[in-house]
Amino acid sequence: MSESPFIIRRGSACCNCGACVRRCARGNFAARDGEVAIADGYVCTGCGDCVKWCPVRALSVRPAHPAAIRRLAR
């Protein structure tokens, strides 16, 4: 499994309901052996749908790093 540059997943809070798997249009999440995890974090666009639909708030948006914001602003 992977990490995402945009999303923080707290595995201990996850109820493995699969809402993020169903809602993510990019296929960022996968269910394997009854557990949900980030499958390929680098396909994530940071849209926030997974965060919005998570019933137990196991997902949150990762704060942007100031240096990355400056690079994007150029």
PDB file of N, CA and C in Angstrom:
ATOM      1  N   MET A   1       0.839  -1.183   0.000  1.00  0.00           N
ATOM      2  CA  MET A   1       0.000   0.000   0.000  1.00  0.00           C
ATOM      3  C   MET A   1       0.881   1.242   0.000  1.00  0.00           C
ATOM      4  N   SER A   2       0.264   2.365  -0.129  1.00  0.00           N
ATOM      5  CA  SER A   2       0.979   3.597  -0.408  1.00  0.00           C
ATOM      6  C   SER A   2       0.515   4.728   0.501  1.00  0.00           C
ATOM      7  N   GLU A   3       1.150   5.864   0.344  1.00  0.00           N
ATOM      8  CA  GLU A   3       0.717   7.094   0.993  1.00  0.00           C
ATOM      9  C   GLU A   3       0.295   8.060  -0.094  1.00  0.00           C
ATOM     10  N   SER A   4      -0.406   9.090   0.296  1.00  0.00           N
ATOM     11  CA  SER A   4      -0.852  10.110  -0.642  1.00  0.00           C
ATOM     12  C   SER A   4      -0.241  11.451  -0.269  1.00  0.00           C
ATOM     13  N   PRO A   5       0.169  12.243  -1.271  1.00  0.00           N
ATOM     14  CA  PRO A   5       0.673  13.575  -0.952  1.00  0.00           C
ATOM     15  C   PRO A   5      -0.428  14.525  -0.484  1.00  0.00           C
ATOM     16  N   PHE A   6      -1.691  14.149  -0.688  1.00  0.00           N
ATOM     17  CA  PHE A   6      -2.815  15.023  -0.359  1.00  0.00           C
ATOM     18  C   PHE A   6      -3.664  14.560   0.812  1.00  0.00           C
ATOM     19  N   ILE A   7      -3.703  13.259   1.064  1.00  0.00           N
ATOM     20  CA  ILE A   7      -4.631  12.688   2.042  1.00  0.00           C
ATOM     21  C   ILE A   7      -3.873  11.977   3.159  1.00  0.00           C
ATOM     22  N   ILE A   8      -4.310  12.189   4.383  1.00  0.00           N
ATOM     23  CA  ILE A   8      -3.789  11.455   5.540  1.00  0.00           C
ATOM     24  C   ILE A   8      -4.847  10.429   5.932  1.00  0.00           C
ATOM     25  N   ARG A   9      -4.440   9.170   6.041  1.00  0.00           N
ATOM     26  CA  ARG A   9      -5.357   8.104   6.453  1.00  0.00           C
ATOM     27  C   ARG A   9      -4.925   7.592   7.815  1.00  0.00           C
ATOM     28  N   ARG A  10      -5.831   7.669   8.783  1.00  0.00           N
ATOM     29  CA  ARG A  10      -5.571   7.136  10.121  1.00  0.00           C
ATOM     30  C   ARG A  10      -6.176   5.734  10.185  1.00  0.00           C
ATOM     31  N   GLY A  11      -5.333   4.751   9.965  1.00  0.00           N
ATOM     32  CA  GLY A  11      -5.790   3.372   9.898  1.00  0.00           C
ATOM     33  C   GLY A  11      -6.509   2.898  11.143  1.00  0.00           C
ATOM     34  N   SER A  12      -6.085   3.383  12.295  1.00  0.00           N
ATOM     35  CA  SER A  12      -6.715   2.950  13.544  1.00  0.00           C
ATOM     36  C   SER A  12      -8.149   3.462  13.665  1.00  0.00           C
ATOM     37  N   ALA A  13      -8.483   4.524  12.939  1.00  0.00           N
ATOM     38  CA  ALA A  13      -9.841   5.079  12.988  1.00  0.00           C
ATOM     39  C   ALA A  13     -10.738   4.503  11.897  1.00  0.00           C
ATOM     40  N   CYS A  14     -10.138   3.894  10.882  1.00  0.00           N
ATOM     41  CA  CYS A  14     -10.891   3.393   9.725  1.00  0.00           C
ATOM     42  C   CYS A  14     -11.781   2.215  10.115  1.00  0.00           C
ATOM     43  N   CYS A  15     -13.037   2.251   9.665  1.00  0.00           N
ATOM     44  CA  CYS A  15     -13.975   1.155   9.943  1.00  0.00           C
ATOM     45  C   CYS A  15     -14.073   0.188   8.758  1.00  0.00           C
ATOM     46  N   ASN A  16     -13.251   0.408   7.718  1.00  0.00           N
ATOM     47  CA  ASN A  16     -13.200  -0.455   6.536  1.00  0.00           C
ATOM     48  C   ASN A  16     -14.546  -0.597   5.837  1.00  0.00           C
ATOM     49  N   CYS A  17     -15.310   0.497   5.807  1.00  0.00           N
ATOM     50  CA  CYS A  17     -16.631   0.466   5.173  1.00  0.00           C
ATOM     51  C   CYS A  17     -16.551   0.515   3.646  1.00  0.00           C
ATOM     52  N   GLY A  18     -15.445   1.041   3.104  1.00  0.00           N
ATOM     53  CA  GLY A  18     -15.271   1.113   1.659  1.00  0.00           C
ATOM     54  C   GLY A  18     -15.858   2.341   0.998  1.00  0.00           C
ATOM     55  N   ALA A  19     -16.333   3.304   1.771  1.00  0.00           N
ATOM     56  CA  ALA A  19     -16.906   4.520   1.179  1.00  0.00           C
ATOM     57  C   ALA A  19     -15.873   5.233   0.307  1.00  0.00           C
ATOM     58  N   CYS A  20     -14.638   5.296   0.752  1.00  0.00           N
ATOM     59  CA  CYS A  20     -13.585   5.967  -0.018  1.00  0.00           C
ATOM     60  C   CYS A  20     -13.289   5.209  -1.315  1.00  0.00           C
ATOM     61  N   VAL A  21     -13.336   3.881  -1.260  1.00  0.00           N
ATOM     62  CA  VAL A  21     -13.101   3.064  -2.453  1.00  0.00           C
ATOM     63  C   VAL A  21     -14.168   3.366  -3.497  1.00  0.00           C
ATOM     64  N   ARG A  22     -15.414   3.431  -3.067  1.00  0.00           N
ATOM     65  CA  ARG A  22     -16.524   3.683  -3.992  1.00  0.00           C
ATOM     66  C   ARG A  22     -16.548   5.114  -4.511  1.00  0.00           C
ATOM     67  N   ARG A  23     -16.136   6.079  -3.709  1.00  0.00           N
ATOM     68  CA  ARG A  23     -16.246   7.498  -4.079  1.00  0.00           C
ATOM     69  C   ARG A  23     -15.062   8.036  -4.869  1.00  0.00           C
ATOM     70  N   CYS A  24     -13.900   7.416  -4.739  1.00  0.00           N
ATOM     71  CA  CYS A  24     -12.705   7.945  -5.400  1.00  0.00           C
ATOM     72  C   CYS A  24     -12.730   7.626  -6.891  1.00  0.00           C
ATOM     73  N   ALA A  25     -12.859   8.664  -7.699  1.00  0.00           N
ATOM     74  CA  ALA A  25     -12.909   8.502  -9.156  1.00  0.00           C
ATOM     75  C   ALA A  25     -11.552   8.103  -9.735  1.00  0.00           C
ATOM     76  N   ARG A  26     -10.488   8.321  -8.989  1.00  0.00           N
ATOM     77  CA  ARG A  26      -9.132   8.040  -9.479  1.00  0.00           C
ATOM     78  C   ARG A  26      -8.606   6.665  -9.052  1.00  0.00           C
ATOM     79  N   GLY A  27      -9.343   5.940  -8.234  1.00  0.00           N
ATOM     80  CA  GLY A  27      -8.885   4.621  -7.795  1.00  0.00           C
ATOM     81  C   GLY A  27      -7.746   4.674  -6.794  1.00  0.00           C
ATOM     82  N   ASN A  28      -7.752   5.706  -5.978  1.00  0.00           N
ATOM     83  CA  ASN A  28      -6.690   5.909  -4.994  1.00  0.00           C
ATOM     84  C   ASN A  28      -6.765   4.910  -3.836  1.00  0.00           C
ATOM     85  N   PHE A  29      -7.935   4.320  -3.607  1.00  0.00           N
ATOM     86  CA  PHE A  29      -8.130   3.403  -2.481  1.00  0.00           C
ATOM     87  C   PHE A  29      -8.455   2.004  -2.987  1.00  0.00           C
ATOM     88  N   ALA A  30      -8.098   1.010  -2.191  1.00  0.00           N
ATOM     89  CA  ALA A  30      -8.401  -0.377  -2.528  1.00  0.00           C
ATOM     90  C   ALA A  30      -8.737  -1.139  -1.258  1.00  0.00           C
ATOM     91  N   ALA A  31      -9.602  -2.131  -1.408  1.00  0.00           N
ATOM     92  CA  ALA A  31      -9.942  -3.021  -0.297  1.00  0.00           C
ATOM     93  C   ALA A  31      -9.271  -4.364  -0.563  1.00  0.00           C
ATOM     94  N   ARG A  32      -8.453  -4.792   0.396  1.00  0.00           N
ATOM     95  CA  ARG A  32      -7.766  -6.080   0.272  1.00  0.00           C
ATOM     96  C   ARG A  32      -7.858  -6.807   1.597  1.00  0.00           C
ATOM     97  N   ASP A  33      -8.272  -8.049   1.522  1.00  0.00           N
ATOM     98  CA  ASP A  33      -8.396  -8.877   2.727  1.00  0.00           C
ATOM     99  C   ASP A  33      -9.246  -8.207   3.795  1.00  0.00           C
ATOM    100  N   GLY A  34     -10.305  -7.512   3.375  1.00  0.00           N
ATOM    101  CA  GLY A  34     -11.222  -6.877   4.311  1.00  0.00           C
ATOM    102  C   GLY A  34     -10.750  -5.559   4.885  1.00  0.00           C
ATOM    103  N   GLU A  35      -9.601  -5.068   4.418  1.00  0.00           N
ATOM    104  CA  GLU A  35      -9.085  -3.789   4.907  1.00  0.00           C
ATOM    105  C   GLU A  35      -8.939  -2.802   3.763  1.00  0.00           C
ATOM    106  N   VAL A  36      -9.280  -1.553   4.044  1.00  0.00           N
ATOM    107  CA  VAL A  36      -9.172  -0.483   3.060  1.00  0.00           C
ATOM    108  C   VAL A  36      -7.867   0.267   3.298  1.00  0.00           C
ATOM    109  N   ALA A  37      -7.195   0.611   2.205  1.00  0.00           N
ATOM    110  CA  ALA A  37      -5.941   1.364   2.310  1.00  0.00           C
ATOM    111  C   ALA A  37      -5.745   2.197   1.051  1.00  0.00           C
ATOM    112  N   ILE A  38      -4.799   3.107   1.099  1.00  0.00           N
ATOM    113  CA  ILE A  38      -4.439   3.885  -0.082  1.00  0.00           C
ATOM    114  C   ILE A  38      -3.642   2.963  -0.994  1.00  0.00           C
ATOM    115  N   ALA A  39      -4.147   2.760  -2.218  1.00  0.00           N
ATOM    116  CA  ALA A  39      -3.509   1.841  -3.155  1.00  0.00           C
ATOM    117  C   ALA A  39      -2.391   2.515  -3.936  1.00  0.00           C
ATOM    118  N   ASP A  40      -2.680   3.700  -4.448  1.00  0.00           N
ATOM    119  CA  ASP A  40      -1.695   4.441  -5.238  1.00  0.00           C
ATOM    120  C   ASP A  40      -1.902   5.921  -4.992  1.00  0.00           C
ATOM    121  N   GLY A  41      -1.250   6.441  -3.981  1.00  0.00           N
ATOM    122  CA  GLY A  41      -1.446   7.823  -3.562  1.00  0.00           C
ATOM    123  C   GLY A  41      -1.109   8.861  -4.601  1.00  0.00           C
ATOM    124  N   TYR A  42      -0.323   8.481  -5.610  1.00  0.00           N
ATOM    125  CA  TYR A  42       0.095   9.469  -6.589  1.00  0.00           C
ATOM    126  C   TYR A  42      -0.900   9.665  -7.723  1.00  0.00           C
ATOM    127  N   VAL A  43      -2.012   8.936  -7.715  1.00  0.00           N
ATOM    128  CA  VAL A  43      -3.090   9.226  -8.668  1.00  0.00           C
ATOM    129  C   VAL A  43      -4.072  10.226  -8.058  1.00  0.00           C
ATOM    130  N   CYS A  44      -3.919  10.485  -6.774  1.00  0.00           N
ATOM    131  CA  CYS A  44      -4.803  11.400  -6.042  1.00  0.00           C
ATOM    132  C   CYS A  44      -4.652  12.827  -6.561  1.00  0.00           C
ATOM    133  N   THR A  45      -5.790  13.487  -6.780  1.00  0.00           N
ATOM    134  CA  THR A  45      -5.775  14.889  -7.218  1.00  0.00           C
ATOM    135  C   THR A  45      -6.099  15.838  -6.076  1.00  0.00           C
ATOM    136  N   GLY A  46      -6.397  15.289  -4.905  1.00  0.00           N
ATOM    137  CA  GLY A  46      -6.707  16.124  -3.749  1.00  0.00           C
ATOM    138  C   GLY A  46      -8.102  16.713  -3.772  1.00  0.00           C
ATOM    139  N   CYS A  47      -9.034  16.067  -4.461  1.00  0.00           N
ATOM    140  CA  CYS A  47     -10.396  16.610  -4.588  1.00  0.00           C
ATOM    141  C   CYS A  47     -11.151  16.609  -3.260  1.00  0.00           C
ATOM    142  N   GLY A  48     -10.810  15.684  -2.359  1.00  0.00           N
ATOM    143  CA  GLY A  48     -11.429  15.647  -1.039  1.00  0.00           C
ATOM    144  C   GLY A  48     -12.707  14.837  -0.931  1.00  0.00           C
ATOM    145  N   ASP A  49     -13.140  14.171  -2.011  1.00  0.00           N
ATOM    146  CA  ASP A  49     -14.364  13.363  -1.930  1.00  0.00           C
ATOM    147  C   ASP A  49     -14.252  12.270  -0.875  1.00  0.00           C
ATOM    148  N   CYS A  50     -13.101  11.637  -0.773  1.00  0.00           N
ATOM    149  CA  CYS A  50     -12.930  10.568   0.220  1.00  0.00           C
ATOM    150  C   CYS A  50     -13.077  11.113   1.638  1.00  0.00           C
ATOM    151  N   VAL A  51     -12.526  12.292   1.876  1.00  0.00           N
ATOM    152  CA  VAL A  51     -12.622  12.926   3.195  1.00  0.00           C
ATOM    153  C   VAL A  51     -14.079  13.251   3.502  1.00  0.00           C
ATOM    154  N   LYS A  52     -14.760  13.786   2.514  1.00  0.00           N
ATOM    155  CA  LYS A  52     -16.165  14.184   2.671  1.00  0.00           C
ATOM    156  C   LYS A  52     -17.067  12.994   3.011  1.00  0.00           C
ATOM    157  N   TRP A  53     -16.830  11.843   2.396  1.00  0.00           N
ATOM    158  CA  TRP A  53     -17.721  10.699   2.554  1.00  0.00           C
ATOM    159  C   TRP A  53     -17.309   9.717   3.642  1.00  0.00           C
ATOM    160  N   CYS A  54     -16.152   9.890   4.258  1.00  0.00           N
ATOM    161  CA  CYS A  54     -15.719   8.969   5.313  1.00  0.00           C
ATOM    162  C   CYS A  54     -16.606   9.160   6.547  1.00  0.00           C
ATOM    163  N   PRO A  55     -17.345   8.112   6.948  1.00  0.00           N
ATOM    164  CA  PRO A  55     -18.285   8.269   8.059  1.00  0.00           C
ATOM    165  C   PRO A  55     -17.622   8.379   9.435  1.00  0.00           C
ATOM    166  N   VAL A  56     -16.356   7.986   9.541  1.00  0.00           N
ATOM    167  CA  VAL A  56     -15.689   8.010  10.845  1.00  0.00           C
ATOM    168  C   VAL A  56     -14.513   8.994  10.888  1.00  0.00           C
ATOM    169  N   ARG A  57     -14.401   9.809   9.859  1.00  0.00           N
ATOM    170  CA  ARG A  57     -13.347  10.838   9.767  1.00  0.00           C
ATOM    171  C   ARG A  57     -11.940  10.259   9.914  1.00  0.00           C
ATOM    172  N   ALA A  58     -11.729   9.122   9.266  1.00  0.00           N
ATOM    173  CA  ALA A  58     -10.404   8.502   9.274  1.00  0.00           C
ATOM    174  C   ALA A  58      -9.483   9.139   8.238  1.00  0.00           C
ATOM    175  N   LEU A  59     -10.050   9.968   7.374  1.00  0.00           N
ATOM    176  CA  LEU A  59      -9.285  10.636   6.325  1.00  0.00           C
ATOM    177  C   LEU A  59      -9.313  12.137   6.534  1.00  0.00           C
ATOM    178  N   SER A  60      -8.195  12.783   6.224  1.00  0.00           N
ATOM    179  CA  SER A  60      -8.144  14.242   6.287  1.00  0.00           C
ATOM    180  C   SER A  60      -7.207  14.747   5.197  1.00  0.00           C
ATOM    181  N   VAL A  61      -7.349  16.014   4.869  1.00  0.00           N
ATOM    182  CA  VAL A  61      -6.496  16.622   3.855  1.00  0.00           C
ATOM    183  C   VAL A  61      -5.161  16.970   4.498  1.00  0.00           C
ATOM    184  N   ARG A  62      -4.098  16.571   3.824  1.00  0.00           N
ATOM    185  CA  ARG A  62      -2.743  16.850   4.319  1.00  0.00           C
ATOM    186  C   ARG A  62      -2.450  18.338   4.130  1.00  0.00           C
ATOM    187  N   PRO A  63      -1.963  19.015   5.171  1.00  0.00           N
ATOM    188  CA  PRO A  63      -1.611  20.434   5.018  1.00  0.00           C
ATOM    189  C   PRO A  63      -0.518  20.595   3.962  1.00  0.00           C
ATOM    190  N   ALA A  64      -0.647  21.615   3.151  1.00  0.00           N
ATOM    191  CA  ALA A  64       0.340  21.859   2.099  1.00  0.00           C
ATOM    192  C   ALA A  64       1.639  22.383   2.703  1.00  0.00           C
ATOM    193  N   HIS A  65       2.729  21.939   2.149  1.00  0.00           N
ATOM    194  CA  HIS A  65       4.043  22.402   2.589  1.00  0.00           C
ATOM    195  C   HIS A  65       4.296  23.777   1.968  1.00  0.00           C
ATOM    196  N   PRO A  66       4.698  24.776   2.753  1.00  0.00           N
ATOM    197  CA  PRO A  66       4.892  26.142   2.237  1.00  0.00           C
ATOM    198  C   PRO A  66       5.812  26.223   1.022  1.00  0.00           C
ATOM    199  N   ALA A  67       6.873  25.421   0.981  1.00  0.00           N
ATOM    200  CA  ALA A  67       7.792  25.454  -0.161  1.00  0.00           C
ATOM    201  C   ALA A  67       7.098  24.977  -1.432  1.00  0.00           C
ATOM    202  N   ALA A  68       6.236  23.978  -1.299  1.00  0.00           N
ATOM    203  CA  ALA A  68       5.502  23.479  -2.463  1.00  0.00           C
ATOM    204  C   ALA A  68       4.528  24.532  -2.975  1.00  0.00           C
ATOM    205  N   ILE A  69       3.897  25.246  -2.074  1.00  0.00           N
ATOM    206  CA  ILE A  69       2.966  26.305  -2.477  1.00  0.00           C
ATOM    207  C   ILE A  69       3.716  27.401  -3.224  1.00  0.00           C
ATOM    208  N   ARG A  70       4.892  27.764  -2.745  1.00  0.00           N
ATOM    209  CA  ARG A  70       5.688  28.802  -3.431  1.00  0.00           C
ATOM    210  C   ARG A  70       6.072  28.346  -4.836  1.00  0.00           C
ATOM    211  N   ARG A  71       6.453  27.074  -4.985  1.00  0.00           N
ATOM    212  CA  ARG A  71       6.823  26.555  -6.306  1.00  0.00           C
ATOM    213  C   ARG A  71       5.638  26.585  -7.254  1.00  0.00           C
ATOM    214  N   LEU A  72       4.468  26.225  -6.765  1.00  0.00           N
ATOM    215  CA  LEU A  72       3.275  26.230  -7.613  1.00  0.00           C
ATOM    216  C   LEU A  72       2.862  27.641  -8.002  1.00  0.00           C
ATOM    217  N   ALA A  73       3.139  28.602  -7.147  1.00  0.00           N
ATOM    218  CA  ALA A  73       2.739  29.985  -7.402  1.00  0.00           C
ATOM    219  C   ALA A  73       3.602  30.661  -8.466  1.00  0.00           C
ATOM    220  N   ARG A  74       4.763  30.100  -8.745  1.00  0.00           N
ATOM    221  CA  ARG A  74       5.668  30.715  -9.738  1.00  0.00           C
ATOM    222  C   ARG A  74       5.148  30.621 -11.132  1.00  0.00           C
TER     223      ARG A  74
END
